[in-house]
Amino acid sequence: MQRGFRDKDFIEDINGMFFCVIGNVHPSNRVISYLKYIPNIEKEAIRIKWSKEGKTYSRILPYYSALGTSFTKNYLKKNFPEYVYFDEYLNIEYSSVPVKMIKNHFKPEERLRELLIEKNKDKLEEIAIELVKIISNESNVSYDSIGISGSILLKIHNIEFSDIDLIVYGYKNSIKVKETIKEILSEEKYGIHPPKGKILESWAKDIIKIHPLSFKEACKLYSEKWNRILFGEKQFSIHPVKIEEEINEVYGKIRYIPKGFVKIKCTIEDNKEAIFLPCKYKIKNVEIIKGLKVNDIKEIVSYEGLYSDIAENEEEIIAYGKLEEVIDSDNNLNYHRIQIGSIEAKGKDYIKPLRWL
């Protein structure tokens, strides 16, 4: 199948702004994405530390969360209103780049191929390639199924402070890499290790500012998370991304109707798709603690990467988020789901395994 716009790709518009693609399902004439970097405009800057070919860029995304993307959506609404779109199927307003406004499509796997043969790599690029080689060799996942996203993909990275954002394509490859990383972490081989001590405390303190977690819960989350860790002193993340053959949803075939907010207790039935973004948990034994009483909540879907792959099958969790009625006319299905990471929740939604509490 032809490669489309995938989660964690980047696109550059005709104005020189860089957007990160969200998910793999998009309207035919738009690409759902959030604005991350803009050409240097002092008054709009969150941080100005990125550069490329003499041009400097401002990071306009204040932090990774629904509240952060809401900030960038408001910037676009004010300055580029054609980039903000109300979707009649998803029943939300989101940022997206019209296809006619796209200048460049940056693909993580192509950037990795480029770096593998490039002779004059800088210090950060060398570290990234060393890390990729370790992961590929240990997991038997080929370079063709790995990519590099973020500022390294765009060639605007800062050698001193930029992180490394790796991509793994396909479910089977992602599971291989996950199992490999967990094994490496258990032995702390190759200098790959989880956050500890002051670093762990720093990450936890940062995240509880924008998510409804206690300090203890945040420490527990980052201590367990296999895909946001360290290689020596360099922070890196791994993002599993579906390939086209694994996409079973067609844009516009399913409608989502908001029904307010609910808090539930439930059991994870199937977490197979929890490694991706949006992540999906199929659930059972649902007990509604607060909110509209419905008896057919089948799944929890999170657009917050923080909550991806944090609960195992048969594990009990507490979740709070937006209740949506799902109408799938093609397959004659009608049920409810809970969405985590909606702008309407204002950063108050969450998923918490009971073992944290």
Protein backbone atom coordinates (compact mmCIF):
# COMPACT_ATOMS: atom_id res chain seq x y z
CA MET A 1 0.00 0.00 0.00
CA GLN A 2 1.12 3.54 -0.70
CA ARG A 3 2.73 5.27 2.27
CA GLY A 4 0.51 8.03 3.61
CA PHE A 5 0.91 10.58 6.39
CA ARG A 6 1.87 8.61 9.49
CA ASP A 7 1.94 9.43 13.17
CA LYS A 8 5.14 11.33 14.11
CA ASP A 9 5.89 12.40 10.54
CA PHE A 10 6.51 16.14 10.18
CA ILE A 11 5.25 18.52 7.53
CA GLU A 12 6.43 22.01 6.63
CA ASP A 13 3.90 24.45 5.25
CA ILE A 14 4.51 27.21 2.69
CA ASN A 15 5.07 29.68 5.56
CA GLY A 16 8.00 27.68 6.96
CA MET A 17 6.10 26.33 9.99
CA PHE A 18 6.72 22.75 11.15
CA PHE A 19 3.81 20.50 12.23
CA CYS A 20 3.91 17.05 13.84
CA VAL A 21 1.41 14.60 12.34
CA ILE A 22 -1.12 12.96 14.70
CA GLY A 23 -2.22 9.42 13.87
CA ASN A 24 -2.55 7.75 10.47
CA VAL A 25 -6.18 8.56 9.60
CA HIS A 26 -6.82 11.94 7.95
CA PRO A 27 -9.36 13.74 5.76
CA SER A 28 -8.51 13.61 2.05
CA ASN A 29 -7.65 17.32 1.88
CA ARG A 30 -6.08 17.88 5.31
CA VAL A 31 -3.46 16.38 7.61
CA ILE A 32 -4.32 16.34 11.31
CA SER A 33 -1.28 17.74 13.11
CA TYR A 34 -0.14 20.14 15.79
CA LEU A 35 2.16 23.12 15.31
CA LYS A 36 5.53 22.72 17.01
CA TYR A 37 8.11 25.09 15.46
CA ILE A 38 7.71 28.45 13.75
CA PRO A 39 10.27 30.73 12.06
CA ASN A 40 11.76 32.95 14.75
CA ILE A 41 9.23 35.49 16.00
CA GLU A 42 10.41 36.77 19.37
CA LYS A 43 7.00 37.67 20.82
CA GLU A 44 5.55 34.20 20.09
CA ALA A 45 8.55 32.15 21.20
CA ILE A 46 8.45 29.62 23.98
CA ARG A 47 12.12 28.77 23.44
CA ILE A 48 14.51 29.77 20.65
CA LYS A 49 17.25 27.16 20.44
CA TRP A 50 16.68 25.52 17.07
CA SER A 51 18.32 26.50 13.79
CA LYS A 52 18.79 25.36 10.20
CA GLU A 53 20.87 26.87 7.42
CA GLY A 54 21.16 30.20 9.23
CA LYS A 55 17.45 30.36 10.12
CA THR A 56 16.33 30.18 13.74
CA TYR A 57 13.10 28.63 14.94
CA SER A 58 10.90 29.10 17.98
CA ARG A 59 9.21 26.20 19.69
CA ILE A 60 5.64 27.36 20.11
CA LEU A 61 4.36 24.15 21.73
CA PRO A 62 4.69 24.82 25.49
CA TYR A 63 4.48 21.14 26.51
CA TYR A 64 3.26 17.78 25.24
CA SER A 65 -0.40 17.51 26.21
CA ALA A 66 -3.88 18.42 25.02
CA LEU A 67 -3.49 21.78 26.78
CA GLY A 68 -0.24 22.39 24.91
CA THR A 69 -1.78 21.67 21.52
CA SER A 70 -4.74 23.86 22.50
CA PHE A 71 -2.31 26.77 22.88
CA THR A 72 -0.92 26.24 19.39
CA LYS A 73 -4.43 25.82 17.96
CA ASN A 74 -5.36 29.23 19.35
CA TYR A 75 -2.24 30.73 17.77
CA LEU A 76 -3.27 29.28 14.41
CA LYS A 77 -6.86 30.42 14.84
CA LYS A 78 -5.65 33.97 15.28
CA ASN A 79 -2.98 34.02 12.56
CA PHE A 80 -3.85 31.19 10.14
CA PRO A 81 -7.57 30.47 10.63
CA GLU A 82 -7.73 28.15 7.61
CA TYR A 83 -5.60 25.69 9.63
CA VAL A 84 -8.31 25.19 12.28
CA TYR A 85 -11.13 22.88 11.31
CA PHE A 86 -14.32 21.63 12.97
CA ASP A 87 -14.72 17.96 12.15
CA GLU A 88 -18.32 16.77 11.85
CA TYR A 89 -17.31 13.14 12.38
CA LEU A 90 -15.04 13.57 15.40
CA ASN A 91 -17.18 16.45 16.71
CA ILE A 92 -14.14 18.47 17.73
CA GLU A 93 -12.21 21.47 16.46
CA TYR A 94 -8.58 20.67 15.74
CA SER A 95 -5.54 22.00 13.91
CA SER A 96 -4.73 20.52 10.52
CA VAL A 97 -2.73 21.58 7.50
CA PRO A 98 -4.59 21.79 4.16
CA VAL A 99 -2.79 19.54 1.68
CA LYS A 100 -2.46 22.45 -0.75
CA MET A 101 -0.41 24.35 1.89
CA ILE A 102 2.17 21.58 2.42
CA LYS A 103 5.66 22.32 1.15
CA ASN A 104 7.62 19.34 2.54
CA HIS A 105 6.73 15.95 4.02
CA PHE A 106 9.45 14.67 6.37
CA LYS A 107 9.56 10.88 6.84
CA PRO A 108 11.53 9.47 9.81
CA GLU A 109 12.68 6.31 8.00
CA GLU A 110 14.18 8.37 5.16
CA ARG A 111 16.09 10.54 7.63
CA LEU A 112 17.55 7.44 9.30
CA ARG A 113 18.73 6.06 5.94
CA GLU A 114 20.38 9.39 5.26
CA LEU A 115 22.17 9.39 8.62
CA LEU A 116 23.38 5.81 8.27
CA ILE A 117 25.47 6.72 5.23
CA GLU A 118 26.32 10.32 6.17
CA LYS A 119 30.00 10.76 6.98
CA ASN A 120 30.00 14.13 8.74
CA LYS A 121 27.52 13.53 11.55
CA ASP A 122 27.45 15.81 14.57
CA LYS A 123 27.68 14.54 18.17
CA LEU A 124 23.93 14.07 18.66
CA GLU A 125 23.49 12.32 15.32
CA GLU A 126 26.36 9.94 16.23
CA ILE A 127 24.68 9.08 19.53
CA ALA A 128 21.35 8.51 17.76
CA ILE A 129 22.90 6.14 15.22
CA GLU A 130 24.78 4.25 17.94
CA LEU A 131 21.49 3.78 19.77
CA VAL A 132 19.65 2.65 16.62
CA LYS A 133 22.36 0.06 15.91
CA ILE A 134 22.09 -1.38 19.44
CA ILE A 135 18.30 -1.64 19.24
CA SER A 136 18.30 -3.09 15.71
CA ASN A 137 21.01 -5.68 16.48
CA GLU A 138 19.45 -6.78 19.77
CA SER A 139 15.86 -6.96 18.48
CA ASN A 140 16.54 -8.21 14.94
CA VAL A 141 14.39 -5.37 13.60
CA SER A 142 15.90 -4.01 10.40
CA TYR A 143 16.84 -0.38 9.87
CA ASP A 144 14.07 -0.21 7.26
CA SER A 145 11.50 -0.43 10.07
CA ILE A 146 13.07 2.27 12.26
CA GLY A 147 13.08 6.05 11.89
CA ILE A 148 14.14 9.26 13.63
CA SER A 149 11.62 12.01 14.29
CA GLY A 150 11.65 15.34 16.12
CA SER A 151 14.22 18.05 15.60
CA ILE A 152 16.81 15.60 14.19
CA LEU A 153 14.36 14.70 11.42
CA LEU A 154 14.03 18.39 10.56
CA LYS A 155 17.78 19.04 10.88
CA ILE A 156 17.16 21.90 13.33
CA HIS A 157 18.34 20.05 16.45
CA ASN A 158 20.55 21.55 19.12
CA ILE A 159 23.49 19.23 19.89
CA GLU A 160 23.49 20.04 23.60
CA PHE A 161 19.85 19.76 24.66
CA SER A 162 17.76 18.06 21.94
CA ASP A 163 16.38 14.60 22.72
CA ILE A 164 16.35 11.57 20.42
CA ASP A 165 12.91 10.49 19.14
CA LEU A 166 12.96 7.04 17.55
CA ILE A 167 10.15 5.44 15.56
CA VAL A 168 9.44 1.73 15.12
CA TYR A 169 7.07 0.79 12.29
CA GLY A 170 4.60 -2.08 12.53
CA TYR A 171 3.07 -4.02 15.42
CA LYS A 172 5.38 -7.07 15.31
CA ASN A 173 8.50 -4.91 15.11
CA SER A 174 7.25 -2.71 17.94
CA ILE A 175 6.70 -5.71 20.22
CA LYS A 176 10.19 -7.01 19.41
CA VAL A 177 11.72 -3.65 20.30
CA LYS A 178 9.62 -3.33 23.46
CA GLU A 179 10.69 -6.77 24.71
CA THR A 180 14.31 -6.02 23.83
CA ILE A 181 14.33 -2.68 25.62
CA LYS A 182 12.72 -4.18 28.73
CA GLU A 183 15.39 -6.90 28.79
CA ILE A 184 18.17 -4.33 28.34
CA LEU A 185 16.67 -2.19 31.12
CA SER A 186 16.57 -5.14 33.49
CA GLU A 187 20.34 -5.49 33.08
CA GLU A 188 21.07 -1.83 32.24
CA LYS A 189 23.28 -2.86 29.35
CA TYR A 190 24.84 -0.44 26.85
CA GLY A 191 24.26 2.50 29.19
CA ILE A 192 20.49 2.31 28.59
CA HIS A 193 18.68 2.87 31.87
CA PRO A 194 15.45 4.23 33.40
CA PRO A 195 15.35 7.63 35.10
CA LYS A 196 16.46 7.52 38.74
CA GLY A 197 17.10 9.87 41.62
CA LYS A 198 17.06 13.55 40.78
CA ILE A 199 16.28 12.95 37.11
CA LEU A 200 13.22 10.88 37.99
CA GLU A 201 12.12 13.50 40.50
CA SER A 202 12.59 16.25 37.91
CA TRP A 203 10.51 14.42 35.29
CA ALA A 204 7.80 13.71 37.85
CA LYS A 205 7.67 17.31 39.07
CA ASP A 206 7.35 18.55 35.49
CA ILE A 207 4.52 16.21 34.56
CA ILE A 208 2.36 16.80 37.64
CA LYS A 209 2.18 20.47 36.67
CA ILE A 210 0.03 19.59 33.66
CA HIS A 211 -1.50 16.19 34.50
CA PRO A 212 -3.67 15.11 37.48
CA LEU A 213 -1.10 12.75 38.97
CA SER A 214 0.45 12.79 42.41
CA PHE A 215 4.23 12.97 42.68
CA LYS A 216 4.28 9.32 43.77
CA GLU A 217 2.13 8.26 40.80
CA ALA A 218 4.30 10.20 38.36
CA CYS A 219 7.45 8.56 39.74
CA LYS A 220 5.81 5.15 39.40
CA LEU A 221 4.80 5.89 35.81
CA TYR A 222 8.26 6.96 34.67
CA SER A 223 9.97 4.15 36.58
CA GLU A 224 7.91 1.63 34.59
CA LYS A 225 7.75 3.28 31.17
CA TRP A 226 9.91 1.37 28.69
CA ASN A 227 9.77 3.93 25.89
CA ARG A 228 10.98 7.10 27.60
CA ILE A 229 14.37 6.42 29.11
CA LEU A 230 18.06 7.37 28.92
CA PHE A 231 21.08 6.39 26.85
CA GLY A 232 23.96 7.52 29.03
CA GLU A 233 22.91 11.07 29.91
CA LYS A 234 20.81 11.57 26.76
CA GLN A 235 17.04 11.24 27.00
CA PHE A 236 15.34 9.27 24.26
CA SER A 237 11.88 8.01 23.40
CA ILE A 238 10.55 5.21 21.20
CA HIS A 239 7.23 5.60 19.38
CA PRO A 240 5.57 2.56 17.78
CA VAL A 241 3.66 3.59 14.64
CA LYS A 242 1.28 1.52 12.53
CA ILE A 243 1.98 0.86 8.88
CA GLU A 244 -0.77 1.22 6.27
CA GLU A 245 -1.67 -2.49 6.23
CA GLU A 246 -2.54 -2.27 9.94
CA ILE A 247 -4.98 0.63 9.64
CA ASN A 248 -8.56 -0.63 9.85
CA GLU A 249 -10.32 2.75 10.08
CA VAL A 250 -11.32 4.92 7.14
CA TYR A 251 -11.81 8.63 7.80
CA GLY A 252 -15.46 9.63 7.82
CA LYS A 253 -16.89 6.13 8.31
CA ILE A 254 -17.28 6.45 12.09
CA ARG A 255 -18.99 9.28 13.97
CA TYR A 256 -18.23 10.21 17.60
CA ILE A 257 -20.89 11.99 19.68
CA PRO A 258 -19.78 13.64 22.98
CA LYS A 259 -21.83 12.68 26.04
CA GLY A 260 -20.12 14.55 28.87
CA PHE A 261 -17.49 13.20 31.28
CA VAL A 262 -17.36 9.98 33.27
CA LYS A 263 -15.17 8.33 35.85
CA ILE A 264 -14.98 4.54 35.73
CA LYS A 265 -13.31 1.53 37.25
CA CYS A 266 -12.72 -1.35 34.84
CA THR A 267 -10.49 -4.25 33.81
CA ILE A 268 -8.21 -4.24 30.77
CA GLU A 269 -9.41 -6.91 28.32
CA ASP A 270 -7.00 -6.26 25.44
CA ASN A 271 -4.05 -3.82 25.40
CA LYS A 272 -2.67 -4.86 22.00
CA GLU A 273 -3.08 -1.35 20.54
CA ALA A 274 -1.98 0.50 23.66
CA ILE A 275 1.57 0.89 22.32
CA PHE A 276 0.41 3.19 19.50
CA LEU A 277 -0.91 6.74 19.51
CA PRO A 278 -3.78 7.16 19.82
CA CYS A 279 -3.52 4.23 22.20
CA LYS A 280 -6.50 1.93 22.72
CA TYR A 281 -7.49 -0.30 25.61
CA LYS A 282 -10.43 -2.67 25.19
CA ILE A 283 -12.11 -2.95 28.58
CA LYS A 284 -14.60 -5.07 30.54
CA ASN A 285 -16.26 -5.18 34.01
CA VAL A 286 -17.00 -1.46 33.76
CA GLU A 287 -18.27 0.27 36.89
CA ILE A 288 -19.36 3.88 36.39
CA ILE A 289 -18.34 5.88 39.45
CA LYS A 290 -19.48 9.28 38.19
CA GLY A 291 -21.30 10.50 35.10
CA LEU A 292 -23.90 9.23 32.61
CA LYS A 293 -24.90 5.63 33.26
CA VAL A 294 -24.47 3.59 30.09
CA ASN A 295 -23.88 -0.15 29.87
CA ASP A 296 -21.82 -0.45 26.70
CA ILE A 297 -18.46 1.28 27.28
CA LYS A 298 -16.14 -0.95 25.26
CA GLU A 299 -12.82 0.92 25.10
CA ILE A 300 -10.62 3.76 26.30
CA VAL A 301 -8.72 5.71 23.66
CA SER A 302 -5.94 8.10 24.69
CA TYR A 303 -4.33 10.86 22.65
CA GLU A 304 -2.03 11.54 25.59
CA GLY A 305 1.14 9.55 24.99
CA LEU A 306 1.78 9.62 28.73
CA TYR A 307 -0.89 6.95 29.22
CA SER A 308 0.16 4.64 26.40
CA ASP A 309 1.04 1.08 27.38
CA ILE A 310 0.83 1.56 31.14
CA ALA A 311 -1.64 -1.23 31.98
CA GLU A 312 -1.51 -4.97 31.33
CA ASN A 313 -4.31 -7.34 30.35
CA GLU A 314 -6.58 -8.28 33.28
CA GLU A 315 -5.30 -5.31 35.27
CA GLU A 316 -7.79 -2.98 36.98
CA ILE A 317 -7.67 0.74 36.31
CA ILE A 318 -9.44 3.97 37.17
CA ALA A 319 -10.09 6.37 34.28
CA TYR A 320 -11.69 9.78 33.88
CA GLY A 321 -12.39 11.27 30.48
CA LYS A 322 -14.86 12.31 27.79
CA LEU A 323 -17.64 9.82 27.12
CA GLU A 324 -18.38 9.40 23.41
CA GLU A 325 -21.05 7.46 21.57
CA VAL A 326 -19.45 5.60 18.65
CA ILE A 327 -21.61 5.16 15.54
CA ASP A 328 -20.03 2.83 12.98
CA SER A 329 -22.67 2.59 10.25
CA ASP A 330 -20.52 0.50 7.90
CA ASN A 331 -20.20 -2.31 10.43
CA ASN A 332 -23.57 -1.67 12.10
CA LEU A 333 -21.93 -1.00 15.47
CA ASN A 334 -23.08 1.39 18.17
CA TYR A 335 -21.37 1.62 21.55
CA HIS A 336 -19.56 4.06 23.90
CA ARG A 337 -15.92 4.79 24.52
CA ILE A 338 -13.91 7.10 26.79
CA GLN A 339 -11.46 9.52 25.23
CA ILE A 340 -8.41 10.73 27.16
CA GLY A 341 -6.61 13.83 25.90
CA SER A 342 -9.57 15.92 24.79
CA ILE A 343 -9.25 19.69 24.87
CA GLU A 344 -12.57 19.89 26.72
CA ALA A 345 -11.13 17.96 29.68
CA LYS A 346 -8.62 20.79 30.26
CA GLY A 347 -5.89 18.41 31.38
CA LYS A 348 -8.00 16.78 34.13
CA ASP A 349 -8.49 13.39 32.44
CA TYR A 350 -6.33 10.38 33.25
CA ILE A 351 -5.77 6.61 33.35
CA LYS A 352 -4.40 5.11 36.58
CA PRO A 353 -3.69 1.45 37.31
CA LEU A 354 -5.10 0.55 40.73
CA ARG A 355 -1.65 -0.65 41.83
CA TRP A 356 -0.53 3.01 41.80
CA LEU A 357 -3.20 4.05 44.27
